[in-house]
Amino acid sequence: MTPDSLRAALRGVPDPDWLDAALRRVAAEPAAIDRFFPAAGRRCGRTPLAEAPGWSADEAARALLLAALPAEHATHARTRYQQGDAAEKRAVLKALPLLPVGAAGVPLLHDAIRTNDTRLLAAALGPYARHLDPAAWRQAVLKCVFTGVPLAVVHDLDARADAELAAMLAALGAERRAAGRAMPADATDLLTRLRATQEA
């Protein structure tokens, strides 16, 4: 996803003039994001975007506001995450791959992964999760299995999954079987694929 594709997906928002004006204002006066960012849900709506699967209108608008900033993207992203509600935090996490922040947003991922909000966990495992070190990434994937977050949300799952993750999943599966509980089907499928790769 790119800012241009998000902008195109937002063509039908309830108040497109507001978004255009907000983007111009934030580009010229970065501090204005403090006012516009929380208002995006009310002004742009919260409906899912057909042309941007996995994004809602408010998330896309907020990502565009962050991308419109002329500088200090990491600082603004951190502030908006720390001061935002759950929806604003998700928007920041999903915006990170669009911002020139390098690995500066990784602490936000760690925070999201520690929470009990499964929607934040899912948002943290998008494309920006490439900046997570392997151990933290494996733990996040395992938490998805624990909490019922579909593994389909994990960006580059098959590319990053390794023998160590397979061992962790196998151990979890054994624990669940001993407790009379089943593993989620997507976790079982992943473990099957990893074992097949190891045996090949």
N, C-alpha and C. Protein backbone atom coordinates (compact mmCIF):
# COMPACT_ATOMS: atom_id res chain seq x y z
N MET A 1 0.85 -1.19 0.00
CA MET A 1 0.00 0.00 0.00
C MET A 1 0.89 1.25 0.00
N THR A 2 0.50 2.25 -0.76
CA THR A 2 1.24 3.51 -0.84
C THR A 2 0.29 4.65 -0.50
N PRO A 3 0.85 5.83 -0.18
CA PRO A 3 -0.04 6.98 0.06
C PRO A 3 -0.96 7.27 -1.12
N ASP A 4 -0.45 7.13 -2.34
CA ASP A 4 -1.28 7.40 -3.51
C ASP A 4 -2.46 6.42 -3.60
N SER A 5 -2.20 5.14 -3.32
CA SER A 5 -3.28 4.16 -3.40
C SER A 5 -4.29 4.37 -2.28
N LEU A 6 -3.82 4.78 -1.10
CA LEU A 6 -4.76 5.09 -0.01
C LEU A 6 -5.60 6.31 -0.37
N ARG A 7 -4.96 7.28 -0.97
CA ARG A 7 -5.70 8.50 -1.35
C ARG A 7 -6.79 8.15 -2.37
N ALA A 8 -6.44 7.29 -3.32
CA ALA A 8 -7.43 6.88 -4.32
C ALA A 8 -8.57 6.11 -3.67
N ALA A 9 -8.26 5.28 -2.69
CA ALA A 9 -9.28 4.48 -2.02
C ALA A 9 -10.23 5.35 -1.20
N LEU A 10 -9.78 6.55 -0.85
CA LEU A 10 -10.59 7.45 -0.02
C LEU A 10 -11.44 8.40 -0.84
N ARG A 11 -11.55 8.16 -2.13
CA ARG A 11 -12.31 9.09 -2.99
C ARG A 11 -13.74 9.29 -2.51
N GLY A 12 -14.34 8.26 -1.94
CA GLY A 12 -15.75 8.37 -1.57
C GLY A 12 -16.01 8.72 -0.12
N VAL A 13 -15.01 9.26 0.59
CA VAL A 13 -15.23 9.59 2.00
C VAL A 13 -16.31 10.67 2.13
N PRO A 14 -16.97 10.72 3.29
CA PRO A 14 -18.07 11.68 3.46
C PRO A 14 -17.66 13.14 3.29
N ASP A 15 -16.43 13.48 3.66
CA ASP A 15 -16.02 14.89 3.63
C ASP A 15 -14.64 15.02 2.99
N PRO A 16 -14.54 14.81 1.67
CA PRO A 16 -13.22 14.85 1.01
C PRO A 16 -12.54 16.21 1.10
N ASP A 17 -13.33 17.28 1.13
CA ASP A 17 -12.73 18.62 1.23
C ASP A 17 -12.01 18.79 2.56
N TRP A 18 -12.58 18.22 3.61
CA TRP A 18 -11.91 18.30 4.93
C TRP A 18 -10.56 17.61 4.88
N LEU A 19 -10.51 16.42 4.28
CA LEU A 19 -9.24 15.68 4.22
C LEU A 19 -8.22 16.44 3.39
N ASP A 20 -8.63 16.98 2.24
CA ASP A 20 -7.69 17.75 1.41
C ASP A 20 -7.12 18.93 2.19
N ALA A 21 -7.99 19.64 2.88
CA ALA A 21 -7.54 20.81 3.65
C ALA A 21 -6.64 20.39 4.80
N ALA A 22 -6.98 19.27 5.45
CA ALA A 22 -6.17 18.79 6.58
C ALA A 22 -4.77 18.40 6.11
N LEU A 23 -4.69 17.73 4.97
CA LEU A 23 -3.38 17.31 4.46
C LEU A 23 -2.51 18.52 4.12
N ARG A 24 -3.12 19.54 3.50
CA ARG A 24 -2.36 20.75 3.18
C ARG A 24 -1.90 21.46 4.44
N ARG A 25 -2.78 21.52 5.42
CA ARG A 25 -2.45 22.23 6.66
C ARG A 25 -1.33 21.52 7.42
N VAL A 26 -1.39 20.21 7.49
CA VAL A 26 -0.36 19.46 8.21
C VAL A 26 0.99 19.59 7.51
N ALA A 27 0.98 19.61 6.18
CA ALA A 27 2.23 19.78 5.44
C ALA A 27 2.87 21.13 5.73
N ALA A 28 2.03 22.14 5.92
CA ALA A 28 2.55 23.50 6.16
C ALA A 28 2.76 23.78 7.64
N GLU A 29 1.95 23.16 8.48
CA GLU A 29 2.00 23.42 9.93
C GLU A 29 1.90 22.08 10.66
N PRO A 30 3.02 21.40 10.86
CA PRO A 30 3.00 20.04 11.41
C PRO A 30 2.24 19.91 12.73
N ALA A 31 2.28 20.91 13.57
CA ALA A 31 1.59 20.81 14.86
C ALA A 31 0.08 20.64 14.70
N ALA A 32 -0.44 21.00 13.53
CA ALA A 32 -1.88 20.88 13.30
C ALA A 32 -2.34 19.43 13.30
N ILE A 33 -1.41 18.49 13.15
CA ILE A 33 -1.81 17.08 13.16
C ILE A 33 -2.45 16.70 14.48
N ASP A 34 -2.07 17.42 15.57
CA ASP A 34 -2.65 17.12 16.87
C ASP A 34 -4.17 17.31 16.87
N ARG A 35 -4.64 18.20 16.03
CA ARG A 35 -6.08 18.47 15.95
C ARG A 35 -6.76 17.58 14.91
N PHE A 36 -6.11 17.41 13.77
CA PHE A 36 -6.75 16.68 12.67
C PHE A 36 -6.75 15.16 12.87
N PHE A 37 -5.71 14.64 13.48
CA PHE A 37 -5.58 13.18 13.60
C PHE A 37 -6.76 12.56 14.37
N PRO A 38 -7.10 13.08 15.55
CA PRO A 38 -8.25 12.49 16.26
C PRO A 38 -9.58 12.69 15.54
N ALA A 39 -9.68 13.73 14.73
CA ALA A 39 -10.96 14.04 14.06
C ALA A 39 -11.21 13.19 12.82
N ALA A 40 -10.22 12.45 12.36
CA ALA A 40 -10.34 11.74 11.09
C ALA A 40 -11.49 10.73 11.08
N GLY A 41 -11.72 10.06 12.18
CA GLY A 41 -12.80 9.09 12.21
C GLY A 41 -14.16 9.73 12.03
N ARG A 42 -14.33 10.88 12.67
CA ARG A 42 -15.61 11.58 12.57
C ARG A 42 -15.82 12.19 11.20
N ARG A 43 -14.76 12.71 10.60
CA ARG A 43 -14.89 13.42 9.33
C ARG A 43 -14.82 12.52 8.10
N CYS A 44 -14.09 11.42 8.20
CA CYS A 44 -13.91 10.52 7.04
C CYS A 44 -14.68 9.21 7.16
N GLY A 45 -15.21 8.94 8.34
CA GLY A 45 -15.92 7.68 8.54
C GLY A 45 -14.97 6.55 8.92
N ARG A 46 -15.56 5.43 9.26
CA ARG A 46 -14.76 4.28 9.72
C ARG A 46 -15.06 3.01 8.91
N THR A 47 -15.64 3.19 7.76
CA THR A 47 -16.02 2.03 6.96
C THR A 47 -14.79 1.39 6.29
N PRO A 48 -14.82 0.08 6.08
CA PRO A 48 -13.73 -0.58 5.36
C PRO A 48 -13.65 -0.04 3.92
N LEU A 49 -12.42 0.03 3.41
CA LEU A 49 -12.20 0.55 2.06
C LEU A 49 -12.08 -0.61 1.07
N ALA A 50 -12.97 -0.64 0.10
CA ALA A 50 -12.97 -1.73 -0.87
C ALA A 50 -11.68 -1.77 -1.68
N GLU A 51 -11.11 -0.60 -1.95
CA GLU A 51 -9.90 -0.54 -2.79
C GLU A 51 -8.62 -0.63 -1.97
N ALA A 52 -8.75 -0.74 -0.66
CA ALA A 52 -7.59 -0.91 0.21
C ALA A 52 -7.92 -1.96 1.26
N PRO A 53 -7.91 -3.23 0.86
CA PRO A 53 -8.29 -4.31 1.77
C PRO A 53 -7.50 -4.27 3.09
N GLY A 54 -8.22 -4.41 4.19
CA GLY A 54 -7.58 -4.38 5.49
C GLY A 54 -7.50 -2.99 6.11
N TRP A 55 -7.90 -1.97 5.35
CA TRP A 55 -7.87 -0.59 5.84
C TRP A 55 -9.29 -0.07 5.98
N SER A 56 -9.51 0.75 7.01
CA SER A 56 -10.75 1.50 7.14
C SER A 56 -10.47 2.94 6.73
N ALA A 57 -11.53 3.70 6.51
CA ALA A 57 -11.36 5.07 6.04
C ALA A 57 -10.58 5.93 7.04
N ASP A 58 -10.88 5.79 8.32
CA ASP A 58 -10.17 6.60 9.31
C ASP A 58 -8.70 6.22 9.40
N GLU A 59 -8.39 4.92 9.28
CA GLU A 59 -6.99 4.50 9.32
C GLU A 59 -6.22 5.08 8.13
N ALA A 60 -6.82 5.01 6.95
CA ALA A 60 -6.15 5.53 5.76
C ALA A 60 -5.95 7.04 5.86
N ALA A 61 -6.97 7.75 6.32
CA ALA A 61 -6.85 9.20 6.45
C ALA A 61 -5.74 9.57 7.44
N ARG A 62 -5.68 8.85 8.54
CA ARG A 62 -4.65 9.14 9.55
C ARG A 62 -3.25 8.80 9.02
N ALA A 63 -3.14 7.72 8.26
CA ALA A 63 -1.85 7.39 7.66
C ALA A 63 -1.41 8.48 6.70
N LEU A 64 -2.34 9.01 5.93
CA LEU A 64 -2.02 10.09 4.99
C LEU A 64 -1.60 11.36 5.73
N LEU A 65 -2.24 11.64 6.85
CA LEU A 65 -1.85 12.81 7.64
C LEU A 65 -0.41 12.67 8.13
N LEU A 66 -0.05 11.48 8.60
CA LEU A 66 1.34 11.27 9.04
C LEU A 66 2.30 11.37 7.87
N ALA A 67 1.92 10.81 6.73
CA ALA A 67 2.80 10.86 5.56
C ALA A 67 2.95 12.27 5.02
N ALA A 68 1.96 13.14 5.27
CA ALA A 68 2.02 14.52 4.77
C ALA A 68 2.97 15.40 5.56
N LEU A 69 3.38 14.95 6.72
CA LEU A 69 4.30 15.76 7.53
C LEU A 69 5.60 16.00 6.78
N PRO A 70 6.16 17.20 6.89
CA PRO A 70 7.41 17.48 6.18
C PRO A 70 8.66 16.89 6.83
N ALA A 71 8.59 16.58 8.12
CA ALA A 71 9.77 16.07 8.84
C ALA A 71 9.32 15.48 10.17
N GLU A 72 10.30 14.90 10.89
CA GLU A 72 10.07 14.37 12.24
C GLU A 72 8.90 13.38 12.29
N HIS A 73 8.85 12.53 11.29
CA HIS A 73 7.76 11.55 11.23
C HIS A 73 7.76 10.61 12.43
N ALA A 74 8.95 10.16 12.86
CA ALA A 74 9.02 9.22 13.98
C ALA A 74 8.50 9.85 15.26
N THR A 75 8.86 11.11 15.49
CA THR A 75 8.41 11.79 16.71
C THR A 75 6.90 11.95 16.72
N HIS A 76 6.35 12.39 15.60
CA HIS A 76 4.90 12.56 15.53
C HIS A 76 4.17 11.23 15.63
N ALA A 77 4.71 10.19 15.00
CA ALA A 77 4.08 8.88 15.07
C ALA A 77 4.05 8.38 16.52
N ARG A 78 5.16 8.56 17.21
CA ARG A 78 5.23 8.13 18.62
C ARG A 78 4.23 8.90 19.48
N THR A 79 4.15 10.20 19.27
CA THR A 79 3.21 11.01 20.05
C THR A 79 1.77 10.62 19.78
N ARG A 80 1.45 10.46 18.51
CA ARG A 80 0.07 10.11 18.16
C ARG A 80 -0.29 8.72 18.70
N TYR A 81 0.67 7.81 18.70
CA TYR A 81 0.43 6.48 19.25
C TYR A 81 0.22 6.57 20.77
N GLN A 82 1.10 7.27 21.44
CA GLN A 82 1.03 7.33 22.90
C GLN A 82 -0.22 8.05 23.39
N GLN A 83 -0.67 9.03 22.65
CA GLN A 83 -1.81 9.83 23.10
C GLN A 83 -3.14 9.35 22.50
N GLY A 84 -3.08 8.43 21.56
CA GLY A 84 -4.28 8.04 20.83
C GLY A 84 -5.08 6.94 21.50
N ASP A 85 -6.32 6.81 21.05
CA ASP A 85 -7.14 5.68 21.47
C ASP A 85 -6.74 4.46 20.63
N ALA A 86 -7.45 3.36 20.81
CA ALA A 86 -7.07 2.13 20.11
C ALA A 86 -7.09 2.29 18.60
N ALA A 87 -8.10 2.98 18.08
CA ALA A 87 -8.20 3.17 16.63
C ALA A 87 -7.04 4.01 16.11
N GLU A 88 -6.66 5.03 16.85
CA GLU A 88 -5.54 5.89 16.44
C GLU A 88 -4.23 5.13 16.52
N LYS A 89 -4.06 4.30 17.53
CA LYS A 89 -2.85 3.47 17.64
C LYS A 89 -2.74 2.53 16.44
N ARG A 90 -3.86 1.88 16.06
CA ARG A 90 -3.83 0.99 14.91
C ARG A 90 -3.43 1.73 13.65
N ALA A 91 -3.94 2.94 13.49
CA ALA A 91 -3.61 3.72 12.30
C ALA A 91 -2.12 4.04 12.25
N VAL A 92 -1.55 4.37 13.40
CA VAL A 92 -0.10 4.66 13.44
C VAL A 92 0.68 3.41 13.04
N LEU A 93 0.34 2.28 13.62
CA LEU A 93 1.05 1.03 13.31
C LEU A 93 0.98 0.70 11.82
N LYS A 94 -0.20 0.88 11.23
CA LYS A 94 -0.37 0.56 9.82
C LYS A 94 0.31 1.58 8.92
N ALA A 95 0.51 2.80 9.44
CA ALA A 95 1.16 3.85 8.65
C ALA A 95 2.68 3.71 8.63
N LEU A 96 3.26 3.03 9.60
CA LEU A 96 4.72 3.00 9.72
C LEU A 96 5.45 2.61 8.44
N PRO A 97 4.97 1.62 7.67
CA PRO A 97 5.71 1.27 6.43
C PRO A 97 5.72 2.40 5.41
N LEU A 98 4.81 3.36 5.55
CA LEU A 98 4.71 4.46 4.59
C LEU A 98 5.58 5.65 4.97
N LEU A 99 6.19 5.61 6.15
CA LEU A 99 6.91 6.76 6.69
C LEU A 99 8.42 6.53 6.65
N PRO A 100 9.19 7.60 6.45
CA PRO A 100 10.65 7.48 6.43
C PRO A 100 11.23 7.47 7.84
N VAL A 101 10.95 6.38 8.58
CA VAL A 101 11.36 6.34 9.99
C VAL A 101 12.39 5.25 10.27
N GLY A 102 12.77 4.47 9.26
CA GLY A 102 13.71 3.39 9.51
C GLY A 102 13.15 2.44 10.57
N ALA A 103 13.99 2.10 11.55
CA ALA A 103 13.55 1.20 12.61
C ALA A 103 13.07 1.95 13.85
N ALA A 104 12.90 3.26 13.75
CA ALA A 104 12.53 4.06 14.93
C ALA A 104 11.16 3.72 15.48
N GLY A 105 10.32 3.08 14.68
CA GLY A 105 8.98 2.73 15.15
C GLY A 105 8.89 1.38 15.85
N VAL A 106 10.00 0.67 15.96
CA VAL A 106 9.97 -0.66 16.56
C VAL A 106 9.44 -0.65 18.00
N PRO A 107 9.81 0.34 18.84
CA PRO A 107 9.23 0.34 20.19
C PRO A 107 7.70 0.37 20.20
N LEU A 108 7.10 0.96 19.19
CA LEU A 108 5.63 0.97 19.12
C LEU A 108 5.11 -0.44 18.85
N LEU A 109 5.82 -1.19 18.01
CA LEU A 109 5.44 -2.58 17.77
C LEU A 109 5.52 -3.39 19.05
N HIS A 110 6.61 -3.22 19.80
CA HIS A 110 6.77 -3.96 21.05
C HIS A 110 5.61 -3.66 22.01
N ASP A 111 5.24 -2.38 22.08
CA ASP A 111 4.14 -2.01 22.96
C ASP A 111 2.84 -2.68 22.51
N ALA A 112 2.56 -2.63 21.21
CA ALA A 112 1.33 -3.23 20.69
C ALA A 112 1.29 -4.73 20.93
N ILE A 113 2.43 -5.39 20.79
CA ILE A 113 2.49 -6.83 20.97
C ILE A 113 2.28 -7.20 22.44
N ARG A 114 2.68 -6.32 23.35
CA ARG A 114 2.50 -6.59 24.79
C ARG A 114 1.05 -6.45 25.24
N THR A 115 0.26 -5.70 24.50
CA THR A 115 -1.11 -5.43 24.94
C THR A 115 -2.00 -6.67 24.78
N ASN A 116 -3.21 -6.57 25.34
CA ASN A 116 -4.19 -7.64 25.16
C ASN A 116 -5.18 -7.31 24.05
N ASP A 117 -4.90 -6.26 23.29
CA ASP A 117 -5.78 -5.85 22.19
C ASP A 117 -5.34 -6.61 20.93
N THR A 118 -6.15 -7.57 20.52
CA THR A 118 -5.75 -8.39 19.38
C THR A 118 -5.69 -7.59 18.08
N ARG A 119 -6.45 -6.50 17.99
CA ARG A 119 -6.41 -5.68 16.78
C ARG A 119 -5.08 -4.93 16.69
N LEU A 120 -4.53 -4.53 17.84
CA LEU A 120 -3.20 -3.90 17.83
C LEU A 120 -2.14 -4.93 17.47
N LEU A 121 -2.26 -6.12 18.01
CA LEU A 121 -1.31 -7.19 17.68
C LEU A 121 -1.31 -7.45 16.18
N ALA A 122 -2.49 -7.54 15.59
CA ALA A 122 -2.58 -7.78 14.14
C ALA A 122 -1.95 -6.64 13.36
N ALA A 123 -2.21 -5.40 13.77
CA ALA A 123 -1.65 -4.24 13.06
C ALA A 123 -0.13 -4.21 13.18
N ALA A 124 0.40 -4.68 14.31
CA ALA A 124 1.84 -4.65 14.53
C ALA A 124 2.58 -5.66 13.66
N LEU A 125 1.87 -6.63 13.10
CA LEU A 125 2.53 -7.68 12.32
C LEU A 125 2.36 -7.49 10.82
N GLY A 126 2.09 -6.26 10.41
CA GLY A 126 2.04 -5.91 9.00
C GLY A 126 3.44 -5.78 8.42
N PRO A 127 3.58 -5.11 7.28
CA PRO A 127 4.88 -5.01 6.60
C PRO A 127 6.01 -4.42 7.45
N TYR A 128 5.67 -3.50 8.35
CA TYR A 128 6.74 -2.88 9.16
C TYR A 128 7.39 -3.86 10.13
N ALA A 129 6.72 -4.99 10.38
CA ALA A 129 7.28 -5.98 11.30
C ALA A 129 8.59 -6.58 10.79
N ARG A 130 8.97 -6.27 9.56
CA ARG A 130 10.28 -6.72 9.07
C ARG A 130 11.41 -6.17 9.94
N HIS A 131 11.13 -5.09 10.68
CA HIS A 131 12.14 -4.50 11.56
C HIS A 131 12.25 -5.22 12.91
N LEU A 132 11.32 -6.11 13.21
CA LEU A 132 11.42 -6.88 14.45
C LEU A 132 12.54 -7.91 14.33
N ASP A 133 13.29 -8.09 15.41
CA ASP A 133 14.31 -9.13 15.37
C ASP A 133 13.61 -10.50 15.39
N PRO A 134 14.31 -11.54 14.94
CA PRO A 134 13.64 -12.85 14.80
C PRO A 134 12.98 -13.35 16.08
N ALA A 135 13.63 -13.18 17.23
CA ALA A 135 13.06 -13.69 18.48
C ALA A 135 11.75 -12.98 18.81
N ALA A 136 11.74 -11.66 18.69
CA ALA A 136 10.52 -10.90 18.98
C ALA A 136 9.42 -11.24 17.99
N TRP A 137 9.80 -11.42 16.73
CA TRP A 137 8.80 -11.76 15.71
C TRP A 137 8.18 -13.13 16.00
N ARG A 138 9.01 -14.12 16.36
CA ARG A 138 8.47 -15.46 16.67
C ARG A 138 7.50 -15.39 17.84
N GLN A 139 7.88 -14.64 18.88
CA GLN A 139 7.00 -14.53 20.05
C GLN A 139 5.67 -13.88 19.66
N ALA A 140 5.73 -12.90 18.76
CA ALA A 140 4.50 -12.24 18.32
C ALA A 140 3.61 -13.21 17.55
N VAL A 141 4.22 -14.03 16.70
CA VAL A 141 3.45 -15.03 15.95
C VAL A 141 2.81 -16.02 16.92
N LEU A 142 3.58 -16.44 17.91
CA LEU A 142 3.04 -17.38 18.89
C LEU A 142 1.88 -16.75 19.67
N LYS A 143 1.99 -15.46 19.95
CA LYS A 143 0.90 -14.78 20.66
C LYS A 143 -0.35 -14.75 19.79
N CYS A 144 -0.17 -14.63 18.47
CA CYS A 144 -1.33 -14.70 17.58
C CYS A 144 -2.05 -16.03 17.75
N VAL A 145 -1.28 -17.11 17.84
CA VAL A 145 -1.88 -18.43 18.01
C VAL A 145 -2.61 -18.51 19.35
N PHE A 146 -1.98 -18.00 20.41
CA PHE A 146 -2.57 -18.01 21.74
C PHE A 146 -3.89 -17.25 21.78
N THR A 147 -3.91 -16.09 21.11
CA THR A 147 -5.05 -15.17 21.24
C THR A 147 -6.08 -15.29 20.13
N GLY A 148 -5.83 -16.17 19.17
CA GLY A 148 -6.81 -16.39 18.11
C GLY A 148 -6.74 -15.40 16.97
N VAL A 149 -5.64 -14.66 16.86
CA VAL A 149 -5.47 -13.76 15.72
C VAL A 149 -5.09 -14.60 14.50
N PRO A 150 -5.83 -14.50 13.40
CA PRO A 150 -5.51 -15.31 12.22
C PRO A 150 -4.09 -15.05 11.72
N LEU A 151 -3.37 -16.10 11.42
CA LEU A 151 -1.99 -15.94 10.96
C LEU A 151 -1.92 -15.29 9.58
N ALA A 152 -3.04 -15.19 8.91
CA ALA A 152 -3.06 -14.52 7.60
C ALA A 152 -2.67 -13.05 7.72
N VAL A 153 -2.79 -12.47 8.92
CA VAL A 153 -2.43 -11.05 9.08
C VAL A 153 -0.92 -10.85 9.16
N VAL A 154 -0.17 -11.92 9.37
CA VAL A 154 1.28 -11.81 9.57
C VAL A 154 1.97 -11.65 8.22
N HIS A 155 2.56 -10.50 8.00
CA HIS A 155 3.22 -10.23 6.73
C HIS A 155 4.46 -11.11 6.59
N ASP A 156 4.66 -11.68 5.41
CA ASP A 156 5.83 -12.52 5.11
C ASP A 156 5.95 -13.71 6.05
N LEU A 157 4.83 -14.27 6.46
CA LEU A 157 4.87 -15.38 7.42
C LEU A 157 5.71 -16.54 6.93
N ASP A 158 5.42 -17.03 5.73
CA ASP A 158 6.15 -18.19 5.24
C ASP A 158 7.62 -17.89 4.98
N ALA A 159 7.92 -16.66 4.59
CA ALA A 159 9.31 -16.31 4.31
C ALA A 159 10.15 -16.25 5.59
N ARG A 160 9.53 -15.83 6.70
CA ARG A 160 10.29 -15.66 7.95
C ARG A 160 10.20 -16.85 8.89
N ALA A 161 9.17 -17.66 8.74
CA ALA A 161 9.02 -18.81 9.64
C ALA A 161 10.22 -19.75 9.50
N ASP A 162 10.70 -20.24 10.63
CA ASP A 162 11.91 -21.07 10.61
C ASP A 162 11.78 -22.26 11.55
N ALA A 163 12.86 -23.00 11.66
CA ALA A 163 12.84 -24.21 12.48
C ALA A 163 12.54 -23.90 13.94
N GLU A 164 13.02 -22.78 14.42
CA GLU A 164 12.78 -22.43 15.82
C GLU A 164 11.29 -22.15 16.05
N LEU A 165 10.66 -21.46 15.11
CA LEU A 165 9.22 -21.23 15.24
C LEU A 165 8.48 -22.57 15.17
N ALA A 166 8.93 -23.47 14.31
CA ALA A 166 8.31 -24.79 14.22
C ALA A 166 8.39 -25.51 15.56
N ALA A 167 9.54 -25.42 16.21
CA ALA A 167 9.69 -26.08 17.52
C ALA A 167 8.76 -25.47 18.55
N MET A 168 8.61 -24.14 18.51
CA MET A 168 7.72 -23.46 19.45
C MET A 168 6.26 -23.87 19.21
N LEU A 169 5.87 -23.96 17.94
CA LEU A 169 4.51 -24.37 17.62
C LEU A 169 4.26 -25.82 18.02
N ALA A 170 5.26 -26.67 17.80
CA ALA A 170 5.11 -28.08 18.17
C ALA A 170 4.94 -28.22 19.68
N ALA A 171 5.72 -27.46 20.44
CA ALA A 171 5.61 -27.51 21.91
C ALA A 171 4.25 -27.02 22.36
N LEU A 172 3.76 -25.96 21.74
CA LEU A 172 2.44 -25.44 22.08
C LEU A 172 1.36 -26.46 21.73
N GLY A 173 1.52 -27.09 20.57
CA GLY A 173 0.55 -28.10 20.16
C GLY A 173 0.49 -29.26 21.15
N ALA A 174 1.66 -29.68 21.65
CA ALA A 174 1.71 -30.78 22.62
C ALA A 174 1.02 -30.38 23.91
N GLU A 175 1.25 -29.14 24.35
CA GLU A 175 0.59 -28.64 25.57
C GLU A 175 -0.93 -28.64 25.40
N ARG A 176 -1.37 -28.19 24.25
CA ARG A 176 -2.82 -28.11 24.02
C ARG A 176 -3.45 -29.49 23.94
N ARG A 177 -2.77 -30.41 23.29
CA ARG A 177 -3.31 -31.77 23.22
C ARG A 177 -3.42 -32.38 24.61
N ALA A 178 -2.40 -32.14 25.44
CA ALA A 178 -2.42 -32.68 26.80
C ALA A 178 -3.57 -32.10 27.61
N ALA A 179 -3.95 -30.87 27.26
CA ALA A 179 -5.06 -30.21 27.96
C ALA A 179 -6.40 -30.46 27.29
N GLY A 180 -6.40 -31.29 26.24
CA GLY A 180 -7.64 -31.59 25.54
C GLY A 180 -8.13 -30.45 24.67
N ARG A 181 -7.20 -29.60 24.22
CA ARG A 181 -7.57 -28.46 23.39
C ARG A 181 -6.86 -28.57 22.05
N ALA A 182 -7.51 -28.06 21.01
CA ALA A 182 -6.94 -28.15 19.67
C ALA A 182 -6.16 -26.89 19.33
N MET A 183 -5.22 -27.05 18.43
CA MET A 183 -4.50 -25.90 17.87
C MET A 183 -5.37 -25.28 16.78
N PRO A 184 -5.27 -23.97 16.57
CA PRO A 184 -5.98 -23.36 15.44
C PRO A 184 -5.51 -24.00 14.13
N ALA A 185 -6.41 -24.11 13.18
CA ALA A 185 -6.09 -24.79 11.92
C ALA A 185 -4.95 -24.11 11.18
N ASP A 186 -4.90 -22.76 11.22
CA ASP A 186 -3.83 -22.09 10.47
C ASP A 186 -2.46 -22.35 11.10
N ALA A 187 -2.41 -22.52 12.42
CA ALA A 187 -1.14 -22.84 13.08
C ALA A 187 -0.71 -24.26 12.74
N THR A 188 -1.67 -25.18 12.71
CA THR A 188 -1.36 -26.56 12.34
C THR A 188 -0.87 -26.63 10.90
N ASP A 189 -1.50 -25.88 10.02
CA ASP A 189 -1.08 -25.86 8.62
C ASP A 189 0.33 -25.30 8.48
N LEU A 190 0.62 -24.23 9.23
CA LEU A 190 1.97 -23.65 9.18
C LEU A 190 3.00 -24.66 9.66
N LEU A 191 2.70 -25.34 10.76
CA LEU A 191 3.65 -26.33 11.28
C LEU A 191 3.87 -27.44 10.26
N THR A 192 2.83 -27.86 9.59
CA THR A 192 2.95 -28.90 8.56
C THR A 192 3.88 -28.43 7.44
N ARG A 193 3.69 -27.16 7.01
CA ARG A 193 4.55 -26.63 5.94
C ARG A 193 6.01 -26.53 6.39
N LEU A 194 6.22 -26.13 7.63
CA LEU A 194 7.59 -26.00 8.12
C LEU A 194 8.26 -27.37 8.23
N ARG A 195 7.53 -28.35 8.68
CA ARG A 195 8.10 -29.69 8.79
C ARG A 195 8.42 -30.26 7.41
N ALA A 196 7.56 -29.99 6.44
CA ALA A 196 7.80 -30.47 5.08
C ALA A 196 9.07 -29.84 4.51
N THR A 197 9.28 -28.55 4.83
CA THR A 197 10.47 -27.86 4.36
C THR A 197 11.73 -28.45 4.99
N GLN A 198 11.64 -28.75 6.29
CA GLN A 198 12.79 -29.32 6.99
C GLN A 198 13.15 -30.70 6.46
N GLU A 199 12.13 -31.47 6.05
CA GLU A 199 12.36 -32.84 5.59
C GLU A 199 12.80 -32.90 4.13
N ALA A 200 12.58 -31.80 3.40
CA ALA A 200 12.89 -31.80 1.97
C ALA A 200 14.39 -31.85 1.73
